[in-house]
Amino acid sequence: DELYNPVLTSPDQLEEQISIYTPIFECLNRLEAPRTAEQELILRLSALFLIFADGLDTPTQGADLHLVDLGTVNDPAVNRIRASLDLPPPEGYVYLRTYTSTTAMPPLIRQIFEQRNVAGVTILSRYIAVLDEEGQTWTDSALQAQTLPRTISHELVHAYVNSTLGPEQIGNVPTWFHEGVAIYFSRSGENQAIVTPNFTLYTTPPPDYRQYDLNFKFLEAELGEERLLTLIQHSIQKSDASIVLDALNIKNQAELEQLSLNWQAAQIRNRSVLALIVILLFAGLLMSGSLQYVGIAQPYERCQICRRRFWFGRKTQLRHNIPATRIWLNGSSDYEDTYSIYAHHVCETCLANSQKVLETYKVQKNLELAQARNEAIATYREWLTHAPISDAYADQDTEYLTFHQAVELLSEVALSYTFSPPWHIFDQDLVFTHIQADHSLDPITSPPPGYHQILQKTIFSQGKKRRYLGSLKVNVHDKYMIIWSD
């Protein structure tokens, strides 16, 4: 029960719980006999706690922990809940982890973000993971800076509601209410997910997200903001979302969605009629010559890529509610590689050229990766044949590999230095020590000069960082051994 909802209010309490659950997790994790259902549950819950509270299975870089107090945090969505609803902020920390990439995530979290359109996730009551990728250009960074706060606000609303409900009641409230409330208070965009106590992942696709947003816009239009807020509060207090529906005699979610769509259609018709009146008036003024000096008939905008003008109303021009689109371009010289920029106004020709450049770039990068992998395999096949033979005793920190496995492992370590994601993703946190000493070397064609302490891995455990160095030897059974020492 404590692992389902760990209510901790001080760093000392947090350290104490980490010291309690670490040996429990380690004991269950190395248990050779089949685990019972209860043991599996405790293993999963303790792993989640240690991942978020202590960085279990997390690289030393690329993952930051933020201990959030919902009673004091200055977040716009949480501020709105505290001001609008008579729901006391849940006690205890919310554990917010931001990751700079999916490779910086432990496997248990990474599998959630492999789902399309997921930028943030709330697990159980208090665990939040958010993807905070570094932009390759200043425009990437600017766009990320705009969306990240809304993503965090959205997840903090989930944590506020889930912690108020309690783990036993989270699943009693339907997804349309969970997501609709999070969108309503955070005014967030798309790409979210939520994990319930039985570890079921609900990835919300953009169409559903738009529907959840529309549901609450309709409810506010019909009920008024003050009454809707009161109904939301009662629904959370009683773990019953039907309280909101009953206020308008709505039977179920399907009827709510149909009424919301009908309301939206009526709004669009009203706006269309008004727009038609404005257009007719505008056309009359234009035909009368009253607007001849205003420049209405001139091209609307220049393409930011080719600088040619294109006409207002073209389908290829970005809609006003889309901030920018990514355009791929070829370098202007032999020394400049393919690159991308973000633009707000792009003509049809440049959009088509961008797609061609991207497809060509993908083919080129994949060919480069395949060629480099062949070179690395050839290099480390030759290099491994000269590995020293030893009959020394190997302790529990030794890894045993076949010749083929050793070639593949060292080749992937070499490739991960040269090719960054998404072209190459290497899950293991291994690097060559001789490359760290001399970054000008190419590990694909320049293997380590010796076999002693050639690999390095860093493990972060219980708040401490430990570095291990690996040496390579061959035992009498033709097994390649990586012997780790700290």
Protein backbone atom coordinates (compact mmCIF):
# COMPACT_ATOMS: atom_id res chain seq x y z
CA ASP A 1 0.00 0.00 0.00
CA GLU A 2 2.84 2.42 0.76
CA LEU A 3 4.44 1.70 -2.61
CA TYR A 4 1.20 2.41 -4.46
CA ASN A 5 1.12 5.94 -3.00
CA PRO A 6 4.39 6.88 -1.20
CA VAL A 7 3.51 10.02 0.77
CA LEU A 8 6.90 11.50 1.74
CA THR A 9 7.41 15.09 2.85
CA SER A 10 11.14 15.48 3.51
CA PRO A 11 14.50 14.42 2.01
CA ASP A 12 15.22 12.37 5.15
CA GLN A 13 12.02 10.37 4.72
CA LEU A 14 12.86 9.87 1.06
CA GLU A 15 16.37 8.55 1.83
CA GLU A 16 14.93 6.25 4.51
CA GLN A 17 12.42 4.72 2.09
CA ILE A 18 15.09 4.29 -0.58
CA SER A 19 17.23 2.37 1.92
CA ILE A 20 14.22 0.16 2.77
CA TYR A 21 13.07 -0.66 -0.75
CA THR A 22 16.46 -1.07 -2.43
CA PRO A 23 17.29 -4.43 -0.76
CA ILE A 24 13.70 -5.60 -1.27
CA PHE A 25 13.94 -4.88 -5.00
CA GLU A 26 17.40 -6.44 -5.31
CA CYS A 27 16.29 -9.58 -3.46
CA LEU A 28 13.19 -10.10 -5.61
CA ASN A 29 15.01 -9.17 -8.82
CA ARG A 30 17.64 -11.89 -8.43
CA LEU A 31 15.21 -14.52 -7.19
CA GLU A 32 15.75 -17.60 -9.38
CA ALA A 33 12.57 -19.46 -8.44
CA PRO A 34 9.33 -18.35 -10.13
CA ARG A 35 7.92 -15.35 -8.29
CA THR A 36 4.39 -15.30 -6.92
CA ALA A 37 1.89 -12.73 -8.18
CA GLU A 38 2.37 -10.70 -5.00
CA GLN A 39 6.16 -10.80 -5.38
CA GLU A 40 5.86 -9.66 -9.01
CA LEU A 41 3.66 -6.74 -7.90
CA ILE A 42 6.06 -5.69 -5.14
CA LEU A 43 8.99 -5.99 -7.58
CA ARG A 44 7.22 -3.77 -10.12
CA LEU A 45 6.14 -1.20 -7.53
CA SER A 46 9.55 -1.02 -5.85
CA ALA A 47 11.21 -0.67 -9.28
CA LEU A 48 8.95 2.29 -10.10
CA PHE A 49 9.70 3.95 -6.75
CA LEU A 50 13.47 3.48 -7.13
CA ILE A 51 13.42 4.62 -10.79
CA PHE A 52 11.76 7.92 -9.91
CA ALA A 53 13.15 8.52 -6.43
CA ASP A 54 16.70 7.18 -6.85
CA GLY A 55 17.40 6.85 -10.59
CA LEU A 56 17.40 3.04 -10.80
CA ASP A 57 18.67 1.82 -14.23
CA THR A 58 19.04 5.47 -15.29
CA PRO A 59 22.22 6.94 -16.85
CA THR A 60 24.00 9.60 -14.84
CA GLN A 61 23.26 12.21 -17.49
CA GLY A 62 20.06 13.05 -19.31
CA ALA A 63 17.59 12.50 -16.44
CA ASP A 64 16.71 15.09 -13.78
CA LEU A 65 14.54 14.56 -10.68
CA HIS A 66 12.21 17.31 -9.45
CA LEU A 67 10.41 16.81 -6.12
CA VAL A 68 7.16 18.73 -6.54
CA ASP A 69 4.97 19.88 -3.63
CA LEU A 70 1.45 20.37 -5.04
CA GLY A 71 0.68 22.75 -2.19
CA THR A 72 3.38 25.27 -3.08
CA VAL A 73 4.43 24.67 -6.69
CA ASN A 74 3.93 27.72 -8.93
CA ASP A 75 2.36 25.98 -11.91
CA PRO A 76 -0.55 27.70 -13.74
CA ALA A 77 -2.68 24.55 -13.91
CA VAL A 78 -2.13 23.63 -10.26
CA ASN A 79 -2.72 27.27 -9.24
CA ARG A 80 -6.05 27.17 -11.08
CA ILE A 81 -7.11 23.96 -9.33
CA ARG A 82 -6.17 25.32 -5.90
CA ALA A 83 -8.11 28.54 -6.61
CA SER A 84 -11.14 26.97 -8.32
CA LEU A 85 -11.77 23.69 -6.50
CA ASP A 86 -12.21 23.06 -2.80
CA LEU A 87 -9.77 20.13 -2.94
CA PRO A 88 -6.80 20.41 -0.56
CA PRO A 89 -3.45 19.75 -2.29
CA PRO A 90 -2.41 16.13 -1.65
CA GLU A 91 0.44 15.83 0.84
CA GLY A 92 3.84 14.50 -0.12
CA TYR A 93 6.14 14.81 -3.08
CA VAL A 94 5.25 14.21 -6.71
CA TYR A 95 8.28 12.64 -8.41
CA LEU A 96 8.84 14.38 -11.75
CA ARG A 97 11.60 13.01 -13.99
CA THR A 98 12.59 14.85 -17.18
CA TYR A 99 14.60 12.90 -19.74
CA THR A 100 16.62 14.45 -22.58
CA SER A 101 16.05 11.40 -24.80
CA THR A 102 14.44 7.96 -24.73
CA THR A 103 17.92 6.41 -24.48
CA ALA A 104 18.32 8.16 -21.11
CA MET A 105 15.24 6.35 -19.79
CA PRO A 106 15.27 3.04 -17.92
CA PRO A 107 13.62 0.23 -19.96
CA LEU A 108 10.42 0.25 -17.87
CA ILE A 109 9.81 3.91 -18.80
CA ARG A 110 11.25 3.79 -22.32
CA GLN A 111 8.64 1.26 -23.46
CA ILE A 112 5.89 3.80 -22.73
CA PHE A 113 7.56 6.50 -24.83
CA GLU A 114 8.00 4.13 -27.77
CA GLN A 115 4.28 4.65 -28.31
CA ARG A 116 3.59 7.33 -30.89
CA ASN A 117 2.62 10.83 -29.71
CA VAL A 118 3.66 10.36 -26.07
CA ALA A 119 5.47 13.36 -24.57
CA GLY A 120 4.52 12.84 -20.92
CA VAL A 121 3.08 10.13 -18.69
CA THR A 122 1.63 9.93 -15.18
CA ILE A 123 2.06 6.55 -13.50
CA LEU A 124 -0.15 5.63 -10.54
CA SER A 125 -0.55 8.72 -8.31
CA ARG A 126 2.83 10.43 -8.05
CA TYR A 127 5.24 9.38 -10.77
CA ILE A 128 5.62 11.67 -13.80
CA ALA A 129 8.00 11.17 -16.72
CA VAL A 130 8.39 13.86 -19.40
CA LEU A 131 10.49 13.80 -22.56
CA ASP A 132 12.55 17.00 -22.76
CA GLU A 133 14.65 16.50 -25.89
CA GLU A 134 17.30 19.08 -26.67
CA GLY A 135 16.64 20.91 -29.92
CA GLN A 136 19.31 20.62 -32.58
CA THR A 137 18.68 24.23 -33.61
CA TRP A 138 17.54 27.31 -31.74
CA THR A 139 14.14 27.03 -33.41
CA ASP A 140 13.77 23.45 -32.13
CA SER A 141 14.65 24.68 -28.64
CA ALA A 142 12.18 27.57 -28.89
CA LEU A 143 9.34 25.27 -29.87
CA GLN A 144 10.22 22.80 -27.10
CA ALA A 145 10.28 25.67 -24.57
CA GLN A 146 6.68 26.49 -25.55
CA THR A 147 5.28 22.95 -25.33
CA LEU A 148 7.21 21.54 -22.35
CA PRO A 149 5.54 23.69 -19.64
CA ARG A 150 2.07 22.69 -20.88
CA THR A 151 3.06 19.03 -20.90
CA ILE A 152 4.32 19.27 -17.30
CA SER A 153 1.17 21.18 -16.25
CA HIS A 154 -1.00 18.49 -17.84
CA GLU A 155 0.78 15.72 -15.93
CA LEU A 156 0.68 17.64 -12.64
CA VAL A 157 -3.11 17.86 -13.00
CA HIS A 158 -3.19 14.07 -13.40
CA ALA A 159 -1.04 13.71 -10.26
CA TYR A 160 -3.29 16.13 -8.32
CA VAL A 161 -6.47 14.28 -9.30
CA ASN A 162 -4.99 10.76 -8.94
CA SER A 163 -3.51 11.51 -5.50
CA THR A 164 -6.84 12.98 -4.38
CA LEU A 165 -8.75 9.95 -5.66
CA GLY A 166 -6.28 7.45 -4.22
CA PRO A 167 -4.91 4.37 -6.04
CA GLU A 168 -8.06 2.31 -5.43
CA GLN A 169 -10.36 4.88 -7.10
CA ILE A 170 -8.28 6.02 -10.10
CA GLY A 171 -9.67 3.30 -12.35
CA ASN A 172 -13.28 4.12 -11.37
CA VAL A 173 -13.11 7.44 -13.22
CA PRO A 174 -13.20 7.09 -17.05
CA THR A 175 -10.47 8.28 -19.39
CA TRP A 176 -12.61 11.06 -20.94
CA PHE A 177 -12.89 12.68 -17.50
CA HIS A 178 -9.20 12.18 -16.53
CA GLU A 179 -7.92 13.61 -19.82
CA GLY A 180 -10.63 16.24 -20.17
CA VAL A 181 -9.90 17.68 -16.71
CA ALA A 182 -6.13 17.69 -17.42
CA ILE A 183 -6.68 19.54 -20.71
CA TYR A 184 -9.25 21.90 -19.17
CA PHE A 185 -6.98 23.09 -16.34
CA SER A 186 -3.62 22.97 -18.16
CA ARG A 187 -4.87 24.13 -21.58
CA SER A 188 -2.40 21.60 -22.93
CA GLY A 189 -2.00 20.14 -26.38
CA GLU A 190 -1.76 16.51 -27.42
CA ASN A 191 0.56 13.57 -26.75
CA GLN A 192 -0.17 12.32 -23.24
CA ALA A 193 -0.70 8.98 -21.54
CA ILE A 194 -1.79 7.62 -18.17
CA VAL A 195 -1.04 4.36 -16.39
CA THR A 196 -3.64 2.98 -13.98
CA PRO A 197 -2.91 0.83 -10.90
CA ASN A 198 -3.18 -2.38 -12.94
CA PHE A 199 -0.44 -1.03 -15.24
CA THR A 200 -2.71 -0.66 -18.28
CA LEU A 201 -1.34 1.97 -20.68
CA TYR A 202 -3.84 4.28 -22.36
CA THR A 203 -2.13 6.19 -25.14
CA THR A 204 -4.42 9.01 -26.24
CA PRO A 205 -4.32 9.67 -30.01
CA PRO A 206 -4.84 13.22 -31.29
CA PRO A 207 -8.46 12.65 -32.50
CA ASP A 208 -9.53 11.47 -29.03
CA TYR A 209 -7.63 14.34 -27.45
CA ARG A 210 -9.48 16.87 -29.57
CA GLN A 211 -12.74 15.19 -28.58
CA TYR A 212 -11.92 15.35 -24.85
CA ASP A 213 -11.10 19.04 -25.23
CA LEU A 214 -14.34 19.64 -27.16
CA ASN A 215 -16.37 17.78 -24.50
CA PHE A 216 -15.32 20.22 -21.78
CA LYS A 217 -15.74 23.27 -24.00
CA PHE A 218 -19.32 22.14 -24.63
CA LEU A 219 -19.91 21.45 -20.93
CA GLU A 220 -18.64 24.92 -19.97
CA ALA A 221 -20.81 26.57 -22.65
CA GLU A 222 -23.92 24.78 -21.39
CA LEU A 223 -23.30 24.88 -17.63
CA GLY A 224 -21.18 27.99 -17.18
CA GLU A 225 -17.68 27.96 -15.74
CA GLU A 226 -18.64 28.23 -12.06
CA ARG A 227 -21.14 25.37 -12.11
CA LEU A 228 -18.84 23.14 -14.17
CA LEU A 229 -16.04 23.65 -11.65
CA THR A 230 -18.37 22.68 -8.81
CA LEU A 231 -19.43 19.50 -10.65
CA ILE A 232 -15.81 18.58 -11.39
CA GLN A 233 -15.01 18.96 -7.68
CA HIS A 234 -17.92 16.72 -6.63
CA SER A 235 -17.01 14.12 -9.27
CA ILE A 236 -13.46 13.86 -7.92
CA GLN A 237 -14.59 13.78 -4.30
CA LYS A 238 -17.07 10.95 -5.01
CA SER A 239 -15.00 9.19 -7.73
CA ASP A 240 -18.01 9.45 -10.05
CA ALA A 241 -17.78 11.25 -13.40
CA SER A 242 -21.49 10.72 -14.10
CA ILE A 243 -22.22 13.65 -11.76
CA VAL A 244 -21.16 16.00 -14.58
CA LEU A 245 -23.28 14.15 -17.15
CA ASP A 246 -26.38 14.03 -14.92
CA ALA A 247 -26.42 17.84 -14.71
CA LEU A 248 -27.41 17.91 -18.41
CA ASN A 249 -29.36 14.59 -18.42
CA ILE A 250 -26.66 12.98 -20.56
CA LYS A 251 -26.72 9.18 -20.38
CA ASN A 252 -23.13 8.24 -21.29
CA GLN A 253 -19.88 9.27 -22.96
CA ALA A 254 -21.17 8.51 -26.46
CA GLU A 255 -24.10 10.92 -26.03
CA LEU A 256 -21.76 13.58 -24.58
CA GLU A 257 -19.49 13.32 -27.62
CA GLN A 258 -22.42 13.54 -30.07
CA LEU A 259 -23.85 16.60 -28.31
CA SER A 260 -20.39 18.21 -28.32
CA LEU A 261 -20.00 17.61 -32.05
CA ASN A 262 -23.49 19.03 -32.73
CA TRP A 263 -22.65 22.11 -30.65
CA GLN A 264 -19.37 22.55 -32.54
CA ALA A 265 -21.16 22.23 -35.89
CA ALA A 266 -23.64 24.94 -34.83
CA GLN A 267 -20.76 27.20 -33.82
CA ILE A 268 -19.09 26.65 -37.18
CA ARG A 269 -22.34 27.40 -39.07
CA ASN A 270 -22.81 30.62 -37.15
CA ARG A 271 -19.26 31.69 -37.85
CA SER A 272 -19.61 30.68 -41.49
CA VAL A 273 -22.70 32.85 -41.93
CA LEU A 274 -20.91 35.79 -40.33
CA ALA A 275 -17.84 35.17 -42.47
CA LEU A 276 -19.99 35.03 -45.63
CA ILE A 277 -21.55 38.38 -44.76
CA VAL A 278 -18.10 39.89 -44.22
CA ILE A 279 -16.82 38.40 -47.52
CA LEU A 280 -19.80 39.76 -49.48
CA LEU A 281 -19.30 43.17 -47.93
CA PHE A 282 -15.59 42.99 -48.64
CA ALA A 283 -16.20 41.94 -52.25
CA GLY A 284 -18.59 44.83 -52.75
CA LEU A 285 -16.00 47.30 -51.45
CA LEU A 286 -13.31 45.73 -53.64
CA MET A 287 -15.46 45.86 -56.80
CA SER A 288 -16.38 49.44 -56.08
CA GLY A 289 -12.69 50.35 -56.07
CA SER A 290 -12.69 51.49 -52.46
CA LEU A 291 -9.83 49.09 -51.60
CA GLN A 292 -7.65 49.56 -54.66
CA TYR A 293 -4.85 51.19 -52.67
CA VAL A 294 -4.92 48.79 -49.71
CA GLY A 295 -3.08 45.99 -51.50
CA ILE A 296 -5.66 43.26 -50.83
CA ALA A 297 -5.09 41.65 -54.24
CA GLN A 298 -1.34 41.37 -53.69
CA PRO A 299 0.34 38.06 -52.80
CA TYR A 300 -0.07 37.33 -49.10
CA GLU A 301 3.44 36.29 -48.14
CA ARG A 302 6.91 35.44 -49.41
CA CYS A 303 8.12 31.85 -49.10
CA GLN A 304 10.82 31.86 -46.42
CA ILE A 305 12.87 29.32 -48.40
CA CYS A 306 12.90 30.46 -52.05
CA ARG A 307 11.70 34.05 -51.32
CA ARG A 308 9.08 33.86 -54.09
CA ARG A 309 5.57 35.14 -53.38
CA PHE A 310 2.61 32.80 -53.26
CA TRP A 311 -1.07 33.69 -53.13
CA PHE A 312 -3.24 33.92 -50.06
CA GLY A 313 -5.45 30.85 -49.63
CA ARG A 314 -3.07 28.31 -51.15
CA LYS A 315 -3.47 24.92 -49.40
CA THR A 316 0.28 24.65 -49.01
CA GLN A 317 0.47 27.68 -46.74
CA LEU A 318 0.52 26.75 -43.06
CA ARG A 319 -2.61 27.40 -41.04
CA HIS A 320 -2.35 30.15 -38.46
CA ASN A 321 -2.63 27.71 -35.52
CA ILE A 322 0.45 25.70 -36.60
CA PRO A 323 3.60 27.51 -35.38
CA ALA A 324 6.11 26.15 -37.89
CA THR A 325 7.02 23.24 -40.13
CA ARG A 326 10.38 21.53 -40.53
CA ILE A 327 12.02 21.99 -43.93
CA TRP A 328 15.00 19.89 -45.06
CA LEU A 329 17.64 21.52 -47.28
CA ASN A 330 20.84 20.48 -49.01
CA GLY A 331 24.10 22.14 -47.99
CA SER A 332 25.33 24.91 -50.23
CA SER A 333 28.83 23.44 -50.47
CA ASP A 334 30.73 20.16 -50.22
CA TYR A 335 31.57 20.99 -46.60
CA GLU A 336 27.96 21.55 -45.48
CA ASP A 337 25.78 18.50 -44.83
CA THR A 338 22.00 18.23 -45.15
CA TYR A 339 20.28 20.34 -42.51
CA SER A 340 16.78 21.44 -41.48
CA ILE A 341 15.12 24.69 -40.41
CA TYR A 342 11.65 25.69 -39.21
CA ALA A 343 9.56 28.07 -41.30
CA HIS A 344 6.08 29.60 -40.99
CA HIS A 345 5.36 30.33 -44.67
CA VAL A 346 6.43 27.81 -47.30
CA CYS A 347 5.35 27.41 -50.90
CA GLU A 348 4.27 24.12 -52.50
CA THR A 349 7.51 23.67 -54.44
CA CYS A 350 9.72 24.02 -51.36
CA LEU A 351 7.53 21.61 -49.38
CA ALA A 352 7.89 19.00 -52.14
CA ASN A 353 11.66 19.58 -52.38
CA SER A 354 11.98 19.23 -48.60
CA GLN A 355 10.36 15.78 -48.71
CA LYS A 356 12.70 14.66 -51.51
CA VAL A 357 15.78 15.91 -49.62
CA LEU A 358 14.65 14.09 -46.45
CA GLU A 359 14.07 10.81 -48.28
CA THR A 360 17.47 11.07 -49.97
CA TYR A 361 19.11 11.92 -46.64
CA LYS A 362 17.52 8.89 -44.97
CA VAL A 363 18.81 6.59 -47.71
CA GLN A 364 22.28 8.15 -47.49
CA LYS A 365 22.47 7.83 -43.69
CA ASN A 366 21.29 4.22 -43.78
CA LEU A 367 23.90 3.37 -46.42
CA GLU A 368 26.60 5.08 -44.35
CA LEU A 369 25.54 3.14 -41.28
CA ALA A 370 25.54 -0.19 -43.15
CA GLN A 371 29.00 0.49 -44.60
CA ALA A 372 30.34 1.58 -41.22
CA ARG A 373 28.92 -1.53 -39.55
CA ASN A 374 30.68 -3.77 -42.09
CA GLU A 375 33.95 -1.92 -41.48
CA ALA A 376 33.55 -2.19 -37.71
CA ILE A 377 32.80 -5.91 -37.87
CA ALA A 378 35.88 -6.51 -40.05
CA THR A 379 38.03 -4.40 -37.68
CA TYR A 380 36.96 -6.17 -34.50
CA ARG A 381 37.05 -9.64 -36.04
CA GLU A 382 40.74 -9.11 -36.74
CA TRP A 383 41.36 -7.35 -33.42
CA LEU A 384 39.73 -10.07 -31.30
CA THR A 385 41.87 -12.86 -32.79
CA HIS A 386 44.85 -11.44 -30.89
CA ALA A 387 43.12 -11.19 -27.51
CA PRO A 388 45.23 -12.61 -24.63
CA ILE A 389 44.35 -16.06 -23.32
CA SER A 390 43.92 -16.44 -19.56
CA ASP A 391 42.80 -19.18 -17.20
CA ALA A 392 42.37 -16.71 -14.35
CA TYR A 393 39.35 -17.07 -12.10
CA ALA A 394 36.48 -14.80 -13.12
CA ASP A 395 34.22 -13.33 -10.48
CA GLN A 396 30.53 -12.39 -10.70
CA ASP A 397 31.37 -9.11 -12.48
CA THR A 398 32.54 -10.98 -15.58
CA GLU A 399 30.54 -11.21 -18.81
CA TYR A 400 31.04 -14.22 -21.10
CA LEU A 401 30.61 -13.79 -24.85
CA THR A 402 31.08 -15.96 -27.89
CA PHE A 403 33.37 -14.68 -30.64
CA HIS A 404 30.36 -13.52 -32.67
CA GLN A 405 28.78 -11.79 -29.65
CA ALA A 406 32.03 -10.02 -28.80
CA VAL A 407 32.43 -8.78 -32.40
CA GLU A 408 28.84 -7.52 -32.47
CA LEU A 409 29.08 -5.81 -29.05
CA LEU A 410 32.32 -3.94 -29.78
CA SER A 411 31.12 -2.97 -33.26
CA GLU A 412 27.93 -1.42 -31.80
CA VAL A 413 29.95 0.47 -29.18
CA ALA A 414 32.07 1.92 -31.99
CA LEU A 415 29.04 2.83 -34.11
CA SER A 416 27.27 4.58 -31.21
CA TYR A 417 30.17 7.07 -31.02
CA THR A 418 29.82 8.06 -34.68
CA PHE A 419 26.07 7.79 -35.36
CA SER A 420 23.60 9.48 -33.04
CA PRO A 421 19.88 8.57 -32.76
CA PRO A 422 17.68 8.01 -34.67
CA TRP A 423 20.22 6.58 -37.12
CA HIS A 424 21.71 4.31 -34.48
CA ILE A 425 20.41 3.48 -31.00
CA PHE A 426 22.62 1.50 -28.61
CA ASP A 427 20.86 0.78 -25.31
CA GLN A 428 23.95 -0.21 -23.32
CA ASP A 429 25.88 2.57 -21.60
CA LEU A 430 29.35 1.51 -22.83
CA VAL A 431 32.18 3.64 -24.27
CA PHE A 432 35.78 2.98 -25.34
CA THR A 433 38.31 4.47 -22.94
CA HIS A 434 40.82 5.22 -25.70
CA ILE A 435 38.22 7.34 -27.57
CA GLN A 436 37.55 9.35 -24.42
CA ALA A 437 41.27 10.06 -24.20
CA ASP A 438 41.58 11.05 -27.86
CA HIS A 439 38.34 12.20 -29.53
CA SER A 440 40.05 12.50 -32.92
CA LEU A 441 40.21 8.71 -33.25
CA ASP A 442 37.61 6.80 -35.24
CA PRO A 443 36.67 3.70 -33.20
CA ILE A 444 35.25 1.99 -36.28
CA THR A 445 38.72 1.64 -37.85
CA SER A 446 40.89 2.29 -34.78
CA PRO A 447 40.38 -0.40 -32.13
CA PRO A 448 41.92 -0.03 -28.66
CA PRO A 449 45.74 -0.38 -28.61
CA GLY A 450 45.53 -3.07 -25.93
CA TYR A 451 43.05 -5.29 -24.13
CA HIS A 452 43.33 -3.96 -20.58
CA GLN A 453 40.65 -1.53 -19.37
CA ILE A 454 39.29 -0.87 -22.85
CA LEU A 455 35.62 -0.29 -21.93
CA GLN A 456 33.94 1.99 -19.42
CA LYS A 457 30.43 1.95 -18.00
CA THR A 458 28.89 4.18 -15.34
CA ILE A 459 26.23 2.96 -12.89
CA PHE A 460 24.18 5.31 -10.72
CA SER A 461 22.90 3.60 -7.58
CA GLN A 462 21.54 4.94 -4.30
CA GLY A 463 22.51 8.49 -5.18
CA LYS A 464 26.11 7.56 -6.00
CA LYS A 465 27.90 7.27 -9.33
CA ARG A 466 30.27 4.32 -9.81
CA ARG A 467 32.55 3.87 -12.82
CA TYR A 468 33.63 0.41 -13.97
CA LEU A 469 36.44 -0.44 -16.39
CA GLY A 470 36.35 -3.61 -18.48
CA SER A 471 39.30 -5.70 -19.69
CA LEU A 472 39.08 -8.36 -22.40
CA LYS A 473 40.53 -11.87 -22.21
CA VAL A 474 39.86 -15.31 -23.68
CA ASN A 475 39.52 -18.32 -21.40
CA VAL A 476 40.51 -21.90 -22.16
CA HIS A 477 36.98 -22.64 -23.38
CA ASP A 478 37.25 -20.01 -26.17
CA LYS A 479 34.87 -17.72 -24.34
CA TYR A 480 35.59 -13.99 -24.49
CA MET A 481 35.48 -12.48 -21.02
CA ILE A 482 34.85 -8.83 -20.16
CA ILE A 483 36.16 -8.51 -16.60
CA TRP A 484 34.82 -5.44 -14.81
CA SER A 485 36.61 -3.63 -12.01
CA ASP A 486 35.81 -0.36 -10.26
